[in-house]
Amino acid sequence: MRVHVVSDVHGASDALARAGEGSELFICLGDLVLFIDYHDMSRGIFSQLFGPDNCAKFVELRTQGRYDQAREFGNSLWEQRGGDRRSQLDDEVRKQYAELFAAMPDPALLTYGNVDLPTMWPEFTRPGHQVLDGQVVDINGVRFGFVGGGLRTAMRTPFEITDEDYAAKVEALGRVDVLCTHIPPALPELTYDTVARRFERGSSALLEAIVKTQPAIALFGHVHQPLASRTRIGKTECMNVGHFRSRQTPFVLDL
């Protein structure tokens, strides 16, 4: 079975439309929305609302770890803009989701990333899109388990949950052959981003489950430029499927 997997799509709808070609199974591990493009300040929701210069300043504060100041700066921009913040953001996200889900291969198995808004997905998913979170599905005798979202951080992205809630979703899976998550297990080589020069949050519960149940494969994204893109934990091959917005091609797996 030829499986194509993507994660961290971040607005790359054109490439997404081609990503399922030649596959027997397509999997998306989330982060569809592009809020900020750290490489092109003219793109993304923040830039569309406030302009590239303000986006560059916001990114500079974030990359320096000055998250409170970045939040204050963002709040000041919203005060100048006026109107209802939530509705304006939701409008921009809906525009992206409409384009992205129209491009999403069908059929597909999907879970959420930390920047996604799960409550909106039912508006855009098509009949062939199966959304899974803390759930298992059997495909041709292979048991796939899915856990979406991320853990709480200073970034305060939209779908961050508590460690306890995340661990409960992992526990609900039981034993699986292929473990599909947005964030990686909590190993330094998998969670350190070499370009951002910081550790992203990985899950200790995920690591413990891998050690205990030994799935054949663990797939994840989230860390765009990891120190290591793959490693082994016992018998489990752990693989970062890559930053799809940059790669423009899916991760290919033959099962």
C-alpha atoms as a PDB file:
ATOM      1  CA  MET A   1       0.000   0.000   0.000  1.00  0.00           C
ATOM      2  CA  ARG A   2       1.502   3.319  -1.119  1.00  0.00           C
ATOM      3  CA  VAL A   3       0.794   6.059   1.422  1.00  0.00           C
ATOM      4  CA  HIS A   4       1.350   9.795   0.873  1.00  0.00           C
ATOM      5  CA  VAL A   5       1.593  11.905   4.030  1.00  0.00           C
ATOM      6  CA  VAL A   6       1.728  15.690   4.466  1.00  0.00           C
ATOM      7  CA  SER A   7       1.948  17.985   7.462  1.00  0.00           C
ATOM      8  CA  ASP A   8       2.339  21.730   7.947  1.00  0.00           C
ATOM      9  CA  VAL A   9       0.637  22.624   4.686  1.00  0.00           C
ATOM     10  CA  HIS A  10       0.315  26.288   5.707  1.00  0.00           C
ATOM     11  CA  GLY A  11      -1.640  27.511   2.723  1.00  0.00           C
ATOM     12  CA  ALA A  12       0.121  25.512  -0.038  1.00  0.00           C
ATOM     13  CA  SER A  13      -3.104  24.606  -1.817  1.00  0.00           C
ATOM     14  CA  ASP A  14      -1.623  24.223  -5.320  1.00  0.00           C
ATOM     15  CA  ALA A  15       0.881  21.604  -4.177  1.00  0.00           C
ATOM     16  CA  LEU A  16      -1.736  19.965  -1.972  1.00  0.00           C
ATOM     17  CA  ALA A  17      -3.962  19.356  -4.990  1.00  0.00           C
ATOM     18  CA  ARG A  18      -1.169  17.231  -6.530  1.00  0.00           C
ATOM     19  CA  ALA A  19      -0.020  15.519  -3.348  1.00  0.00           C
ATOM     20  CA  GLY A  20      -2.267  12.475  -3.617  1.00  0.00           C
ATOM     21  CA  GLU A  21      -1.294  11.523  -7.170  1.00  0.00           C
ATOM     22  CA  GLY A  22      -0.184   7.889  -7.330  1.00  0.00           C
ATOM     23  CA  SER A  23      -1.143   7.073  -3.740  1.00  0.00           C
ATOM     24  CA  GLU A  24      -3.507   4.430  -2.414  1.00  0.00           C
ATOM     25  CA  LEU A  25      -3.944   6.277   0.887  1.00  0.00           C
ATOM     26  CA  PHE A  26      -3.538   9.992   1.653  1.00  0.00           C
ATOM     27  CA  ILE A  27      -2.931  11.324   5.172  1.00  0.00           C
ATOM     28  CA  CYS A  28      -2.768  14.950   6.364  1.00  0.00           C
ATOM     29  CA  LEU A  29      -1.347  15.663   9.825  1.00  0.00           C
ATOM     30  CA  GLY A  30      -2.636  19.209  10.078  1.00  0.00           C
ATOM     31  CA  ASP A  31      -1.540  22.835  10.234  1.00  0.00           C
ATOM     32  CA  LEU A  32      -3.419  23.896   7.130  1.00  0.00           C
ATOM     33  CA  VAL A  33      -3.678  27.584   7.997  1.00  0.00           C
ATOM     34  CA  LEU A  34      -0.963  30.119   7.149  1.00  0.00           C
ATOM     35  CA  PHE A  35      -1.079  32.821   9.807  1.00  0.00           C
ATOM     36  CA  ILE A  36       2.488  34.081   9.314  1.00  0.00           C
ATOM     37  CA  ASP A  37       5.026  33.140   6.655  1.00  0.00           C
ATOM     38  CA  TYR A  38       8.398  33.498   8.386  1.00  0.00           C
ATOM     39  CA  HIS A  39      10.197  33.491   5.017  1.00  0.00           C
ATOM     40  CA  ASP A  40       7.889  35.828   3.071  1.00  0.00           C
ATOM     41  CA  MET A  41       6.369  38.571   5.193  1.00  0.00           C
ATOM     42  CA  SER A  42       3.933  39.532   2.436  1.00  0.00           C
ATOM     43  CA  ARG A  43       1.982  36.289   2.860  1.00  0.00           C
ATOM     44  CA  GLY A  44      -0.303  34.977   5.574  1.00  0.00           C
ATOM     45  CA  ILE A  45      -3.255  36.307   7.547  1.00  0.00           C
ATOM     46  CA  PHE A  46      -1.230  38.667   9.766  1.00  0.00           C
ATOM     47  CA  SER A  47       0.336  40.399   6.760  1.00  0.00           C
ATOM     48  CA  GLN A  48      -3.001  40.649   4.946  1.00  0.00           C
ATOM     49  CA  LEU A  49      -4.518  42.392   7.950  1.00  0.00           C
ATOM     50  CA  PHE A  50      -1.613  44.607   9.050  1.00  0.00           C
ATOM     51  CA  GLY A  51       0.940  44.738   6.218  1.00  0.00           C
ATOM     52  CA  PRO A  52       4.412  43.190   5.695  1.00  0.00           C
ATOM     53  CA  ASP A  53       6.312  45.745   7.800  1.00  0.00           C
ATOM     54  CA  ASN A  54       4.204  45.129  10.895  1.00  0.00           C
ATOM     55  CA  CYS A  55       4.423  41.408  10.219  1.00  0.00           C
ATOM     56  CA  ALA A  56       8.244  41.609  10.143  1.00  0.00           C
ATOM     57  CA  LYS A  57       8.295  43.429  13.479  1.00  0.00           C
ATOM     58  CA  PHE A  58       5.929  40.898  15.033  1.00  0.00           C
ATOM     59  CA  VAL A  59       8.103  38.018  13.789  1.00  0.00           C
ATOM     60  CA  GLU A  60      11.261  39.692  15.116  1.00  0.00           C
ATOM     61  CA  LEU A  61       9.754  39.926  18.611  1.00  0.00           C
ATOM     62  CA  ARG A  62       8.656  36.303  18.487  1.00  0.00           C
ATOM     63  CA  THR A  63      11.982  34.951  17.262  1.00  0.00           C
ATOM     64  CA  GLN A  64      13.696  36.853  20.071  1.00  0.00           C
ATOM     65  CA  GLY A  65      11.431  35.063  22.541  1.00  0.00           C
ATOM     66  CA  ARG A  66       9.704  38.319  23.543  1.00  0.00           C
ATOM     67  CA  TYR A  67       6.234  36.792  23.358  1.00  0.00           C
ATOM     68  CA  ASP A  68       4.543  39.218  25.762  1.00  0.00           C
ATOM     69  CA  GLN A  69       5.828  42.199  23.775  1.00  0.00           C
ATOM     70  CA  ALA A  70       4.736  40.554  20.525  1.00  0.00           C
ATOM     71  CA  ARG A  71       1.273  40.087  21.984  1.00  0.00           C
ATOM     72  CA  GLU A  72       1.140  43.720  23.116  1.00  0.00           C
ATOM     73  CA  PHE A  73       2.241  44.860  19.666  1.00  0.00           C
ATOM     74  CA  GLY A  74      -0.434  42.702  18.041  1.00  0.00           C
ATOM     75  CA  ASN A  75      -3.082  44.084  20.389  1.00  0.00           C
ATOM     76  CA  SER A  76      -2.094  47.651  19.493  1.00  0.00           C
ATOM     77  CA  LEU A  77      -2.511  46.859  15.802  1.00  0.00           C
ATOM     78  CA  TRP A  78      -5.973  45.461  16.452  1.00  0.00           C
ATOM     79  CA  GLU A  79      -6.938  48.586  18.386  1.00  0.00           C
ATOM     80  CA  GLN A  80      -5.904  50.729  15.421  1.00  0.00           C
ATOM     81  CA  ARG A  81      -7.785  48.525  12.983  1.00  0.00           C
ATOM     82  CA  GLY A  82     -11.010  48.373  14.985  1.00  0.00           C
ATOM     83  CA  GLY A  83     -13.926  46.041  14.481  1.00  0.00           C
ATOM     84  CA  ASP A  84     -14.455  42.592  15.966  1.00  0.00           C
ATOM     85  CA  ARG A  85     -11.155  40.726  16.098  1.00  0.00           C
ATOM     86  CA  ARG A  86     -12.620  37.233  16.246  1.00  0.00           C
ATOM     87  CA  SER A  87     -14.924  37.669  13.278  1.00  0.00           C
ATOM     88  CA  GLN A  88     -12.188  39.218  11.121  1.00  0.00           C
ATOM     89  CA  LEU A  89      -9.780  36.384  11.904  1.00  0.00           C
ATOM     90  CA  ASP A  90     -12.473  33.770  11.315  1.00  0.00           C
ATOM     91  CA  ASP A  91     -13.265  35.306   7.924  1.00  0.00           C
ATOM     92  CA  GLU A  92      -9.624  35.041   6.855  1.00  0.00           C
ATOM     93  CA  VAL A  93      -9.304  31.468   8.122  1.00  0.00           C
ATOM     94  CA  ARG A  94     -12.487  30.457   6.292  1.00  0.00           C
ATOM     95  CA  LYS A  95     -11.085  31.849   3.038  1.00  0.00           C
ATOM     96  CA  GLN A  96      -8.002  29.668   3.432  1.00  0.00           C
ATOM     97  CA  TYR A  97      -9.947  26.576   4.484  1.00  0.00           C
ATOM     98  CA  ALA A  98     -12.308  26.891   1.504  1.00  0.00           C
ATOM     99  CA  GLU A  99      -9.340  26.817  -0.870  1.00  0.00           C
ATOM    100  CA  LEU A 100      -7.386  24.157   1.027  1.00  0.00           C
ATOM    101  CA  PHE A 101     -10.187  21.645   1.494  1.00  0.00           C
ATOM    102  CA  ALA A 102     -11.195  22.057  -2.142  1.00  0.00           C
ATOM    103  CA  ALA A 103      -7.619  21.062  -3.046  1.00  0.00           C
ATOM    104  CA  MET A 104      -7.373  18.274  -0.445  1.00  0.00           C
ATOM    105  CA  PRO A 105      -7.154  14.821  -2.063  1.00  0.00           C
ATOM    106  CA  ASP A 106     -10.230  12.650  -1.653  1.00  0.00           C
ATOM    107  CA  PRO A 107     -10.332  10.204   0.062  1.00  0.00           C
ATOM    108  CA  ALA A 108      -8.070  11.278   2.921  1.00  0.00           C
ATOM    109  CA  LEU A 109      -7.466  10.675   6.617  1.00  0.00           C
ATOM    110  CA  LEU A 110      -6.904  13.912   8.512  1.00  0.00           C
ATOM    111  CA  THR A 111      -6.081  15.210  11.952  1.00  0.00           C
ATOM    112  CA  TYR A 112      -5.623  18.714  13.349  1.00  0.00           C
ATOM    113  CA  GLY A 113      -2.453  20.738  13.794  1.00  0.00           C
ATOM    114  CA  ASN A 114      -1.859  23.243  16.563  1.00  0.00           C
ATOM    115  CA  VAL A 115      -2.714  26.232  14.332  1.00  0.00           C
ATOM    116  CA  ASP A 116      -5.959  24.724  13.051  1.00  0.00           C
ATOM    117  CA  LEU A 117      -9.496  25.561  14.180  1.00  0.00           C
ATOM    118  CA  PRO A 118     -11.287  22.194  14.548  1.00  0.00           C
ATOM    119  CA  THR A 119     -14.736  23.756  14.958  1.00  0.00           C
ATOM    120  CA  MET A 120     -14.552  25.074  11.377  1.00  0.00           C
ATOM    121  CA  TRP A 121     -13.555  21.831   9.673  1.00  0.00           C
ATOM    122  CA  PRO A 122     -17.104  20.417   9.311  1.00  0.00           C
ATOM    123  CA  GLU A 123     -17.932  23.416   7.112  1.00  0.00           C
ATOM    124  CA  PHE A 124     -15.315  22.388   4.534  1.00  0.00           C
ATOM    125  CA  THR A 125     -14.584  18.650   4.696  1.00  0.00           C
ATOM    126  CA  ARG A 126     -15.982  16.554   1.864  1.00  0.00           C
ATOM    127  CA  PRO A 127     -17.564  13.064   2.150  1.00  0.00           C
ATOM    128  CA  GLY A 128     -14.231  11.352   1.452  1.00  0.00           C
ATOM    129  CA  HIS A 129     -12.438  13.206   4.247  1.00  0.00           C
ATOM    130  CA  GLN A 130     -12.296  11.267   7.517  1.00  0.00           C
ATOM    131  CA  VAL A 131     -11.175  13.396  10.471  1.00  0.00           C
ATOM    132  CA  LEU A 132      -9.647  11.421  13.357  1.00  0.00           C
ATOM    133  CA  ASP A 133      -8.427  12.629  16.760  1.00  0.00           C
ATOM    134  CA  GLY A 134      -7.827  10.136  19.557  1.00  0.00           C
ATOM    135  CA  GLN A 135      -9.283   7.534  17.197  1.00  0.00           C
ATOM    136  CA  VAL A 136      -8.210   4.462  15.245  1.00  0.00           C
ATOM    137  CA  VAL A 137      -9.048   3.227  11.745  1.00  0.00           C
ATOM    138  CA  ASP A 138      -8.198  -0.077  10.044  1.00  0.00           C
ATOM    139  CA  ILE A 139      -7.090   0.159   6.399  1.00  0.00           C
ATOM    140  CA  ASN A 140      -6.325  -3.113   4.607  1.00  0.00           C
ATOM    141  CA  GLY A 141      -5.461  -4.778   7.896  1.00  0.00           C
ATOM    142  CA  VAL A 142      -3.168  -1.939   9.064  1.00  0.00           C
ATOM    143  CA  ARG A 143      -4.256  -0.196  12.265  1.00  0.00           C
ATOM    144  CA  PHE A 144      -3.714   3.593  12.116  1.00  0.00           C
ATOM    145  CA  GLY A 145      -4.059   5.751  15.230  1.00  0.00           C
ATOM    146  CA  PHE A 146      -4.427   9.544  15.118  1.00  0.00           C
ATOM    147  CA  VAL A 147      -3.867  12.290  17.686  1.00  0.00           C
ATOM    148  CA  GLY A 148      -4.221  15.932  16.634  1.00  0.00           C
ATOM    149  CA  GLY A 149      -3.316  19.308  18.085  1.00  0.00           C
ATOM    150  CA  GLY A 150      -0.383  20.542  20.118  1.00  0.00           C
ATOM    151  CA  LEU A 151       0.549  21.234  23.723  1.00  0.00           C
ATOM    152  CA  ARG A 152       0.336  24.603  25.441  1.00  0.00           C
ATOM    153  CA  THR A 153       3.159  27.065  24.737  1.00  0.00           C
ATOM    154  CA  ALA A 154       3.963  30.751  25.007  1.00  0.00           C
ATOM    155  CA  MET A 155       2.913  31.074  21.347  1.00  0.00           C
ATOM    156  CA  ARG A 156      -0.738  30.389  22.280  1.00  0.00           C
ATOM    157  CA  THR A 157      -1.670  28.906  18.927  1.00  0.00           C
ATOM    158  CA  PRO A 158      -5.370  28.036  18.439  1.00  0.00           C
ATOM    159  CA  PHE A 159      -5.435  24.282  19.115  1.00  0.00           C
ATOM    160  CA  GLU A 160      -3.138  23.803  22.100  1.00  0.00           C
ATOM    161  CA  ILE A 161      -4.441  21.523  24.851  1.00  0.00           C
ATOM    162  CA  THR A 162      -3.255  20.429  28.281  1.00  0.00           C
ATOM    163  CA  ASP A 163      -0.739  17.624  28.694  1.00  0.00           C
ATOM    164  CA  GLU A 164      -3.431  15.629  30.499  1.00  0.00           C
ATOM    165  CA  ASP A 165      -5.977  15.952  27.688  1.00  0.00           C
ATOM    166  CA  TYR A 166      -3.361  15.061  25.096  1.00  0.00           C
ATOM    167  CA  ALA A 167      -2.248  12.010  27.106  1.00  0.00           C
ATOM    168  CA  ALA A 168      -5.863  10.833  27.321  1.00  0.00           C
ATOM    169  CA  LYS A 169      -6.153  10.888  23.530  1.00  0.00           C
ATOM    170  CA  VAL A 170      -2.926   8.912  23.184  1.00  0.00           C
ATOM    171  CA  GLU A 171      -4.105   6.376  25.770  1.00  0.00           C
ATOM    172  CA  ALA A 172      -7.410   5.930  23.931  1.00  0.00           C
ATOM    173  CA  LEU A 173      -5.611   4.529  20.872  1.00  0.00           C
ATOM    174  CA  GLY A 174      -4.215   1.388  22.456  1.00  0.00           C
ATOM    175  CA  ARG A 175      -1.879  -0.580  20.215  1.00  0.00           C
ATOM    176  CA  VAL A 176      -1.575   0.549  16.597  1.00  0.00           C
ATOM    177  CA  ASP A 177       0.655  -0.293  13.652  1.00  0.00           C
ATOM    178  CA  VAL A 178       1.081   3.290  12.429  1.00  0.00           C
ATOM    179  CA  LEU A 179       0.878   6.188  14.898  1.00  0.00           C
ATOM    180  CA  CYS A 180      -0.051   9.485  13.208  1.00  0.00           C
ATOM    181  CA  THR A 181       0.281  12.739  15.178  1.00  0.00           C
ATOM    182  CA  HIS A 182       0.942  16.399  14.494  1.00  0.00           C
ATOM    183  CA  ILE A 183       3.618  16.866  17.162  1.00  0.00           C
ATOM    184  CA  PRO A 184       6.583  14.529  17.732  1.00  0.00           C
ATOM    185  CA  PRO A 185       7.430  12.453  20.784  1.00  0.00           C
ATOM    186  CA  ALA A 186       9.487  14.389  23.326  1.00  0.00           C
ATOM    187  CA  LEU A 187      13.015  13.626  22.163  1.00  0.00           C
ATOM    188  CA  PRO A 188      15.499  16.524  21.813  1.00  0.00           C
ATOM    189  CA  GLU A 189      16.683  15.530  18.324  1.00  0.00           C
ATOM    190  CA  LEU A 190      13.086  15.468  17.070  1.00  0.00           C
ATOM    191  CA  THR A 191      11.893  18.663  18.767  1.00  0.00           C
ATOM    192  CA  TYR A 192      14.796  21.068  18.158  1.00  0.00           C
ATOM    193  CA  ASP A 193      14.321  23.381  15.162  1.00  0.00           C
ATOM    194  CA  THR A 194      17.730  24.217  13.705  1.00  0.00           C
ATOM    195  CA  VAL A 195      16.565  27.392  11.927  1.00  0.00           C
ATOM    196  CA  ALA A 196      14.316  28.837  14.641  1.00  0.00           C
ATOM    197  CA  ARG A 197      17.000  27.716  17.132  1.00  0.00           C
ATOM    198  CA  ARG A 198      14.548  26.590  19.758  1.00  0.00           C
ATOM    199  CA  PHE A 199      12.884  23.472  21.084  1.00  0.00           C
ATOM    200  CA  GLU A 200       9.280  22.944  20.063  1.00  0.00           C
ATOM    201  CA  ARG A 201       7.042  21.006  22.418  1.00  0.00           C
ATOM    202  CA  GLY A 202       6.895  17.267  21.937  1.00  0.00           C
ATOM    203  CA  SER A 203       4.739  14.887  23.932  1.00  0.00           C
ATOM    204  CA  SER A 204       6.085  12.791  26.799  1.00  0.00           C
ATOM    205  CA  ALA A 205       2.855  10.758  26.737  1.00  0.00           C
ATOM    206  CA  LEU A 206       3.503  10.004  23.080  1.00  0.00           C
ATOM    207  CA  LEU A 207       7.059   8.906  23.859  1.00  0.00           C
ATOM    208  CA  GLU A 208       5.851   6.661  26.687  1.00  0.00           C
ATOM    209  CA  ALA A 209       3.198   5.087  24.450  1.00  0.00           C
ATOM    210  CA  ILE A 210       5.783   4.348  21.754  1.00  0.00           C
ATOM    211  CA  VAL A 211       8.136   2.744  24.269  1.00  0.00           C
ATOM    212  CA  LYS A 212       5.276   0.676  25.708  1.00  0.00           C
ATOM    213  CA  THR A 213       3.360  -0.401  22.595  1.00  0.00           C
ATOM    214  CA  GLN A 214       6.083  -0.294  19.894  1.00  0.00           C
ATOM    215  CA  PRO A 215       4.090   0.618  16.773  1.00  0.00           C
ATOM    216  CA  ALA A 216       5.971  -0.172  13.582  1.00  0.00           C
ATOM    217  CA  ILE A 217       5.960   3.475  12.489  1.00  0.00           C
ATOM    218  CA  ALA A 218       5.321   6.876  14.095  1.00  0.00           C
ATOM    219  CA  LEU A 219       4.642   9.771  11.710  1.00  0.00           C
ATOM    220  CA  PHE A 220       4.495  13.444  12.685  1.00  0.00           C
ATOM    221  CA  GLY A 221       5.347  16.989  11.555  1.00  0.00           C
ATOM    222  CA  HIS A 222       5.237  20.307  13.477  1.00  0.00           C
ATOM    223  CA  VAL A 223       9.011  20.915  13.675  1.00  0.00           C
ATOM    224  CA  HIS A 224       9.847  22.479  10.330  1.00  0.00           C
ATOM    225  CA  GLN A 225      13.656  22.035  10.350  1.00  0.00           C
ATOM    226  CA  PRO A 226      14.368  19.287  12.894  1.00  0.00           C
ATOM    227  CA  LEU A 227      17.844  18.352  14.097  1.00  0.00           C
ATOM    228  CA  ALA A 228      16.947  14.787  13.087  1.00  0.00           C
ATOM    229  CA  SER A 229      14.143  13.908  10.703  1.00  0.00           C
ATOM    230  CA  ARG A 230      14.002  10.306  11.868  1.00  0.00           C
ATOM    231  CA  THR A 231      15.137   8.051  14.692  1.00  0.00           C
ATOM    232  CA  ARG A 232      14.299   4.691  16.217  1.00  0.00           C
ATOM    233  CA  ILE A 233      12.697   4.059  19.587  1.00  0.00           C
ATOM    234  CA  GLY A 234      13.083   0.336  20.124  1.00  0.00           C
ATOM    235  CA  LYS A 235      11.374  -1.259  17.119  1.00  0.00           C
ATOM    236  CA  THR A 236       9.514   1.929  16.155  1.00  0.00           C
ATOM    237  CA  GLU A 237      10.715   4.000  13.221  1.00  0.00           C
ATOM    238  CA  CYS A 238       9.904   7.646  14.055  1.00  0.00           C
ATOM    239  CA  MET A 239       9.725   9.950  11.032  1.00  0.00           C
ATOM    240  CA  ASN A 240       9.094  13.660  10.557  1.00  0.00           C
ATOM    241  CA  VAL A 241       7.197  13.805   7.244  1.00  0.00           C
ATOM    242  CA  GLY A 242       8.553  17.280   6.461  1.00  0.00           C
ATOM    243  CA  HIS A 243       7.385  20.868   6.143  1.00  0.00           C
ATOM    244  CA  PHE A 244       5.016  20.504   3.182  1.00  0.00           C
ATOM    245  CA  ARG A 245       4.867  24.233   2.418  1.00  0.00           C
ATOM    246  CA  SER A 246       8.613  24.150   1.754  1.00  0.00           C
ATOM    247  CA  ARG A 247       8.873  20.644   0.258  1.00  0.00           C
ATOM    248  CA  GLN A 248       5.805  20.884  -1.999  1.00  0.00           C
ATOM    249  CA  THR A 249       5.903  17.072  -2.224  1.00  0.00           C
ATOM    250  CA  PRO A 250       4.397  14.462   0.103  1.00  0.00           C
ATOM    251  CA  PHE A 251       6.298  12.007   2.260  1.00  0.00           C
ATOM    252  CA  VAL A 252       5.936   8.598   0.591  1.00  0.00           C
ATOM    253  CA  LEU A 253       5.629   5.398   2.577  1.00  0.00           C
ATOM    254  CA  ASP A 254       5.229   1.864   1.201  1.00  0.00           C
ATOM    255  CA  LEU A 255       3.442  -0.465   3.599  1.00  0.00           C
END
